[in-house]
Each structure stands twice: as structure tokens, then as C-alpha cells.
């Protein structure tokens, strides 16, 4: 049985206004590169972190070209998560703005930490 759990999402600060207004939506990607440096969505979905260790990893691989924000994401059914083949999971749907909350703003690039 799956239940709704709490997750995180890391995104460029350039996406803050869009996320606040529209939520997390891979089709709106374009203001900044993805965390891994991609210019287009890697999947049709939203990558989420399952805990502090994954958050730290995503903060370290930040290839957006600048600072990032950490968002809290609520109400995700773990049973719906998909693996991208590298051990990271994503939600194969958009996440509305009312289910995301900014928890850390303007986190500087942390390469080499």
C-alpha cells in the first residue's frame, strides 16, 4: 500500500516565479537549465528528492549556472514514482503550486563540497 509522503525539489532561482505561480511543470522549463545541466526536460515529469542525502547530491551537481531554490513538495503518492534508470525518481505529472513551498532560497553552487 502506498501513501502520500513529503519530498523536495531543487530548481534554479530563475524558475521561482513560475513555480510559485504554476507549480512544478516540466513543460515550462526554459528559464534555466535543469540541475544536471540539460536544456530540455530529461523526462515527462518532475524529479523529487527522497531525503536530505538526495537533496545534498542535487545541490552539489547544480549545473544551472547559478544559485538554486529548495522546494518542499507535499502529497506525492510514492506508488506513482518512476525511476529514471539511475536511481533517481520523478513524478510523471505536474505538481500544482498549492503543494509546493519554498524552504531555502538562493542556495549558492556547492561544487567540490
N, C-alpha and C. Protein backbone atom coordinates (compact mmCIF):
# COMPACT_ATOMS: atom_id res chain seq x y z
N UNK A 1 0.85 -1.19 0.00
CA UNK A 1 0.00 0.00 0.00
C UNK A 1 0.89 1.24 0.00
N UNK A 2 0.57 2.18 -0.86
CA UNK A 2 1.36 3.41 -0.93
C UNK A 2 0.64 4.51 -0.17
N UNK A 3 1.40 5.48 0.29
CA UNK A 3 0.79 6.61 0.98
C UNK A 3 1.44 7.90 0.54
N UNK A 4 0.78 9.00 0.85
CA UNK A 4 1.31 10.30 0.47
C UNK A 4 2.49 10.63 1.39
N UNK A 5 3.59 11.09 0.80
CA UNK A 5 4.79 11.40 1.57
C UNK A 5 5.30 12.79 1.20
N UNK A 6 6.32 13.18 1.92
CA UNK A 6 6.92 14.50 1.77
C UNK A 6 8.24 14.38 1.00
N UNK A 7 8.42 15.21 0.00
CA UNK A 7 9.61 15.19 -0.85
C UNK A 7 10.11 16.61 -1.06
N UNK A 8 11.25 16.71 -1.77
CA UNK A 8 11.84 18.01 -2.10
C UNK A 8 12.13 18.08 -3.59
N UNK A 9 12.28 19.30 -4.09
CA UNK A 9 12.65 19.55 -5.48
C UNK A 9 13.66 20.69 -5.49
N UNK A 10 14.72 20.56 -6.28
CA UNK A 10 15.74 21.59 -6.41
C UNK A 10 15.63 22.20 -7.80
N UNK A 11 15.60 23.53 -7.87
CA UNK A 11 15.43 24.21 -9.15
C UNK A 11 16.16 25.56 -9.12
N UNK A 12 16.57 26.02 -10.28
CA UNK A 12 17.21 27.34 -10.41
C UNK A 12 16.31 28.43 -9.84
N UNK A 13 16.93 29.44 -9.24
CA UNK A 13 16.16 30.59 -8.74
C UNK A 13 15.41 31.28 -9.88
N UNK A 14 15.89 31.12 -11.11
CA UNK A 14 15.22 31.73 -12.26
C UNK A 14 13.82 31.15 -12.49
N UNK A 15 13.56 29.99 -11.90
CA UNK A 15 12.25 29.35 -12.05
C UNK A 15 11.28 29.68 -10.91
N UNK A 16 11.75 30.44 -9.93
CA UNK A 16 10.95 30.70 -8.73
C UNK A 16 9.58 31.29 -9.04
N UNK A 17 9.55 32.31 -9.85
CA UNK A 17 8.26 32.97 -10.15
C UNK A 17 7.29 31.99 -10.82
N UNK A 18 7.78 31.22 -11.78
CA UNK A 18 6.93 30.25 -12.47
C UNK A 18 6.43 29.17 -11.51
N UNK A 19 7.32 28.66 -10.65
CA UNK A 19 6.92 27.61 -9.71
C UNK A 19 5.89 28.14 -8.73
N UNK A 20 6.10 29.35 -8.23
CA UNK A 20 5.16 29.95 -7.29
C UNK A 20 3.79 30.10 -7.93
N UNK A 21 3.78 30.44 -9.19
CA UNK A 21 2.51 30.69 -9.88
C UNK A 21 1.86 29.42 -10.44
N UNK A 22 2.67 28.55 -11.07
CA UNK A 22 2.14 27.41 -11.80
C UNK A 22 2.45 26.06 -11.17
N UNK A 23 3.30 26.02 -10.16
CA UNK A 23 3.72 24.75 -9.60
C UNK A 23 4.88 24.18 -10.39
N UNK A 24 5.12 22.89 -10.24
CA UNK A 24 6.22 22.22 -10.93
C UNK A 24 5.69 21.59 -12.21
N UNK A 25 6.23 22.02 -13.34
CA UNK A 25 5.73 21.60 -14.64
C UNK A 25 6.90 21.56 -15.62
N UNK A 26 7.29 20.36 -16.02
CA UNK A 26 8.44 20.21 -16.92
C UNK A 26 8.22 20.90 -18.26
N UNK A 27 6.99 21.10 -18.68
CA UNK A 27 6.70 21.75 -19.96
C UNK A 27 7.03 23.24 -19.91
N UNK A 28 7.20 23.79 -18.72
CA UNK A 28 7.53 25.21 -18.58
C UNK A 28 9.03 25.43 -18.45
N UNK A 29 9.82 24.37 -18.55
CA UNK A 29 11.27 24.50 -18.44
C UNK A 29 11.77 25.39 -19.57
N UNK A 30 12.70 26.24 -19.25
CA UNK A 30 13.23 27.13 -20.28
C UNK A 30 13.93 28.34 -19.71
N UNK A 31 13.52 28.79 -18.52
CA UNK A 31 14.15 29.95 -17.91
C UNK A 31 15.59 29.64 -17.53
N UNK A 32 15.85 28.38 -17.20
CA UNK A 32 17.20 27.97 -16.78
C UNK A 32 17.41 26.51 -17.13
N UNK A 33 18.67 26.10 -17.14
CA UNK A 33 18.98 24.68 -17.35
C UNK A 33 18.49 23.86 -16.16
N UNK A 34 18.33 22.56 -16.41
CA UNK A 34 18.00 21.65 -15.32
C UNK A 34 19.20 21.48 -14.40
N UNK A 35 18.98 20.88 -13.26
CA UNK A 35 20.05 20.69 -12.27
C UNK A 35 21.24 19.96 -12.87
N UNK A 36 20.99 18.98 -13.73
CA UNK A 36 22.10 18.23 -14.34
C UNK A 36 22.69 18.96 -15.55
N UNK A 37 22.15 20.13 -15.88
CA UNK A 37 22.67 20.91 -16.99
C UNK A 37 21.90 20.77 -18.29
N UNK A 38 20.85 19.98 -18.28
CA UNK A 38 20.07 19.77 -19.50
C UNK A 38 19.30 21.03 -19.88
N UNK A 39 19.15 21.24 -21.17
CA UNK A 39 18.39 22.40 -21.67
C UNK A 39 16.92 22.05 -21.91
N UNK A 40 16.64 20.74 -21.96
CA UNK A 40 15.26 20.26 -22.15
C UNK A 40 14.95 19.24 -21.06
N UNK A 41 13.68 19.02 -20.79
CA UNK A 41 13.33 18.02 -19.77
C UNK A 41 13.92 16.66 -20.12
N UNK A 42 14.46 15.99 -19.13
CA UNK A 42 15.01 14.64 -19.32
C UNK A 42 13.90 13.60 -19.35
N UNK A 43 12.80 13.89 -18.67
CA UNK A 43 11.64 13.01 -18.62
C UNK A 43 10.39 13.88 -18.63
N UNK A 44 9.26 13.27 -18.90
CA UNK A 44 7.99 13.98 -18.79
C UNK A 44 7.51 13.82 -17.36
N UNK A 45 8.08 14.62 -16.50
CA UNK A 45 7.76 14.54 -15.08
C UNK A 45 8.64 15.48 -14.29
N UNK A 46 8.51 15.40 -12.97
CA UNK A 46 9.20 16.29 -12.05
C UNK A 46 10.07 15.44 -11.12
N UNK A 47 11.38 15.65 -11.16
CA UNK A 47 12.27 14.93 -10.26
C UNK A 47 12.07 15.40 -8.83
N UNK A 48 12.08 14.46 -7.90
CA UNK A 48 11.95 14.79 -6.48
C UNK A 48 13.04 14.06 -5.70
N UNK A 49 13.42 14.66 -4.58
CA UNK A 49 14.42 14.08 -3.67
C UNK A 49 13.67 13.42 -2.52
N UNK A 50 14.16 12.25 -2.13
CA UNK A 50 13.51 11.48 -1.06
C UNK A 50 14.06 11.78 0.32
N UNK A 51 14.99 12.68 0.45
CA UNK A 51 15.53 13.00 1.77
C UNK A 51 16.72 13.91 1.68
N UNK A 52 17.30 14.21 2.85
CA UNK A 52 18.41 15.16 2.93
C UNK A 52 19.62 14.71 2.11
N UNK A 53 19.91 13.41 2.07
CA UNK A 53 21.07 12.93 1.32
C UNK A 53 20.91 13.22 -0.17
N UNK A 54 19.73 12.95 -0.72
CA UNK A 54 19.49 13.25 -2.14
C UNK A 54 19.48 14.74 -2.39
N UNK A 55 18.92 15.51 -1.46
CA UNK A 55 18.94 16.97 -1.61
C UNK A 55 20.38 17.44 -1.73
N UNK A 56 21.25 16.95 -0.84
CA UNK A 56 22.66 17.32 -0.87
C UNK A 56 23.31 16.98 -2.19
N UNK A 57 22.99 15.81 -2.73
CA UNK A 57 23.54 15.41 -4.03
C UNK A 57 23.12 16.38 -5.12
N UNK A 58 21.83 16.71 -5.18
CA UNK A 58 21.34 17.62 -6.21
C UNK A 58 21.91 19.02 -6.05
N UNK A 59 22.13 19.44 -4.81
CA UNK A 59 22.77 20.74 -4.60
C UNK A 59 24.21 20.73 -5.11
N UNK A 60 24.90 19.62 -4.95
CA UNK A 60 26.29 19.53 -5.40
C UNK A 60 26.42 19.43 -6.91
N UNK A 61 25.47 18.79 -7.59
CA UNK A 61 25.59 18.67 -9.05
C UNK A 61 25.00 19.86 -9.78
N UNK A 62 24.58 20.87 -9.06
CA UNK A 62 23.96 22.06 -9.65
C UNK A 62 24.75 22.54 -10.88
N UNK A 63 24.17 22.36 -12.05
CA UNK A 63 24.75 22.84 -13.30
C UNK A 63 23.85 23.88 -13.96
N UNK A 64 23.11 24.62 -13.13
CA UNK A 64 22.20 25.62 -13.68
C UNK A 64 22.90 26.91 -14.05
N UNK A 65 24.13 27.09 -13.57
CA UNK A 65 24.86 28.32 -13.83
C UNK A 65 24.66 29.37 -12.76
N UNK A 66 24.00 29.02 -11.66
CA UNK A 66 23.78 29.98 -10.58
C UNK A 66 23.14 29.34 -9.39
N UNK A 67 22.62 30.16 -8.47
CA UNK A 67 22.00 29.63 -7.26
C UNK A 67 20.69 28.90 -7.54
N UNK A 68 20.30 28.07 -6.57
CA UNK A 68 19.07 27.28 -6.69
C UNK A 68 18.19 27.48 -5.47
N UNK A 69 16.95 27.06 -5.60
CA UNK A 69 15.99 27.06 -4.50
C UNK A 69 15.66 25.62 -4.15
N UNK A 70 15.34 25.39 -2.89
CA UNK A 70 14.88 24.10 -2.42
C UNK A 70 13.40 24.23 -2.08
N UNK A 71 12.61 23.38 -2.70
CA UNK A 71 11.16 23.40 -2.53
C UNK A 71 10.71 22.15 -1.79
N UNK A 72 9.79 22.29 -0.88
CA UNK A 72 9.13 21.17 -0.22
C UNK A 72 7.94 20.80 -1.09
N UNK A 73 7.74 19.50 -1.30
CA UNK A 73 6.64 19.03 -2.14
C UNK A 73 5.82 18.05 -1.31
N UNK A 74 4.55 18.35 -1.13
CA UNK A 74 3.68 17.52 -0.31
C UNK A 74 2.67 16.76 -1.16
N UNK A 75 2.17 15.66 -0.59
CA UNK A 75 1.06 14.94 -1.20
C UNK A 75 1.43 14.05 -2.37
N UNK A 76 2.67 13.58 -2.43
CA UNK A 76 3.07 12.69 -3.52
C UNK A 76 2.84 11.25 -3.10
N UNK A 77 2.15 10.50 -3.92
CA UNK A 77 1.92 9.08 -3.68
C UNK A 77 3.18 8.33 -4.13
N UNK A 78 3.89 7.73 -3.19
CA UNK A 78 5.13 7.03 -3.51
C UNK A 78 4.93 5.93 -4.55
N UNK A 79 3.76 5.36 -4.59
CA UNK A 79 3.48 4.30 -5.55
C UNK A 79 3.46 4.78 -6.99
N UNK A 80 3.37 6.08 -7.20
CA UNK A 80 3.34 6.64 -8.55
C UNK A 80 4.71 7.08 -9.06
N UNK A 81 5.72 7.06 -8.18
CA UNK A 81 7.06 7.49 -8.57
C UNK A 81 7.67 6.53 -9.58
N UNK A 82 8.39 7.08 -10.54
CA UNK A 82 9.10 6.29 -11.54
C UNK A 82 10.59 6.53 -11.39
N UNK A 83 11.38 5.49 -11.66
CA UNK A 83 12.84 5.58 -11.61
C UNK A 83 13.33 5.95 -13.01
N UNK A 84 14.26 6.89 -13.09
CA UNK A 84 14.76 7.31 -14.41
C UNK A 84 15.84 6.37 -14.93
N UNK A 85 16.14 5.30 -14.21
CA UNK A 85 17.16 4.35 -14.63
C UNK A 85 18.49 4.57 -13.95
N UNK A 86 18.61 5.67 -13.22
CA UNK A 86 19.84 5.99 -12.49
C UNK A 86 19.62 6.06 -10.99
N UNK A 87 18.47 5.57 -10.54
CA UNK A 87 18.18 5.57 -9.12
C UNK A 87 17.48 6.81 -8.62
N UNK A 88 17.23 7.77 -9.49
CA UNK A 88 16.50 8.98 -9.10
C UNK A 88 15.06 8.85 -9.54
N UNK A 89 14.16 9.43 -8.76
CA UNK A 89 12.75 9.25 -9.04
C UNK A 89 12.09 10.55 -9.47
N UNK A 90 11.01 10.37 -10.22
CA UNK A 90 10.24 11.52 -10.66
C UNK A 90 8.75 11.19 -10.62
N UNK A 91 7.97 12.25 -10.54
CA UNK A 91 6.52 12.17 -10.56
C UNK A 91 6.10 12.39 -12.01
N UNK A 92 5.37 11.45 -12.62
CA UNK A 92 5.01 11.59 -14.03
C UNK A 92 3.78 12.49 -14.24
N UNK A 93 3.72 13.58 -13.48
CA UNK A 93 2.63 14.54 -13.63
C UNK A 93 3.07 15.89 -13.11
N UNK A 94 2.31 16.90 -13.43
CA UNK A 94 2.58 18.23 -12.92
C UNK A 94 2.19 18.28 -11.44
N UNK A 95 2.83 19.16 -10.70
CA UNK A 95 2.53 19.31 -9.27
C UNK A 95 2.03 20.73 -9.07
N UNK A 96 0.78 20.89 -8.65
CA UNK A 96 0.20 22.23 -8.51
C UNK A 96 0.90 23.09 -7.46
N UNK A 97 0.84 24.39 -7.66
CA UNK A 97 1.52 25.35 -6.78
C UNK A 97 1.12 25.21 -5.32
N UNK A 98 -0.11 24.83 -5.05
CA UNK A 98 -0.54 24.73 -3.65
C UNK A 98 0.11 23.55 -2.91
N UNK A 99 0.82 22.69 -3.63
CA UNK A 99 1.51 21.56 -2.99
C UNK A 99 3.01 21.76 -2.88
N UNK A 100 3.51 22.94 -3.27
CA UNK A 100 4.94 23.23 -3.15
C UNK A 100 5.14 24.48 -2.29
N UNK A 101 6.26 24.46 -1.55
CA UNK A 101 6.57 25.58 -0.66
C UNK A 101 8.08 25.79 -0.67
N UNK A 102 8.50 27.02 -0.86
CA UNK A 102 9.92 27.37 -0.86
C UNK A 102 10.45 27.24 0.57
N UNK A 103 11.50 26.40 0.75
CA UNK A 103 12.06 26.21 2.09
C UNK A 103 13.48 26.77 2.23
N UNK A 104 14.22 26.87 1.12
CA UNK A 104 15.55 27.50 1.13
C UNK A 104 15.71 28.23 -0.19
N UNK A 105 16.02 29.50 -0.13
CA UNK A 105 16.17 30.32 -1.33
C UNK A 105 17.63 30.68 -1.57
N UNK A 106 17.98 30.82 -2.83
CA UNK A 106 19.28 31.35 -3.23
C UNK A 106 20.47 30.55 -2.68
N UNK A 107 20.39 29.22 -2.77
CA UNK A 107 21.50 28.36 -2.33
C UNK A 107 22.59 28.45 -3.38
N UNK A 108 23.79 28.92 -3.01
CA UNK A 108 24.86 29.08 -4.00
C UNK A 108 25.38 27.73 -4.51
N UNK A 109 25.99 27.72 -5.69
CA UNK A 109 26.59 26.48 -6.19
C UNK A 109 27.54 25.90 -5.15
N UNK A 110 27.51 24.57 -4.99
CA UNK A 110 28.29 23.92 -3.95
C UNK A 110 29.25 22.89 -4.51
N UNK A 111 29.78 23.13 -5.68
CA UNK A 111 30.71 22.18 -6.31
C UNK A 111 31.91 21.96 -5.39
N UNK A 112 32.31 20.70 -5.31
CA UNK A 112 33.50 20.36 -4.56
C UNK A 112 33.29 20.20 -3.07
N UNK A 113 32.05 20.30 -2.61
CA UNK A 113 31.80 20.13 -1.18
C UNK A 113 31.66 18.66 -0.88
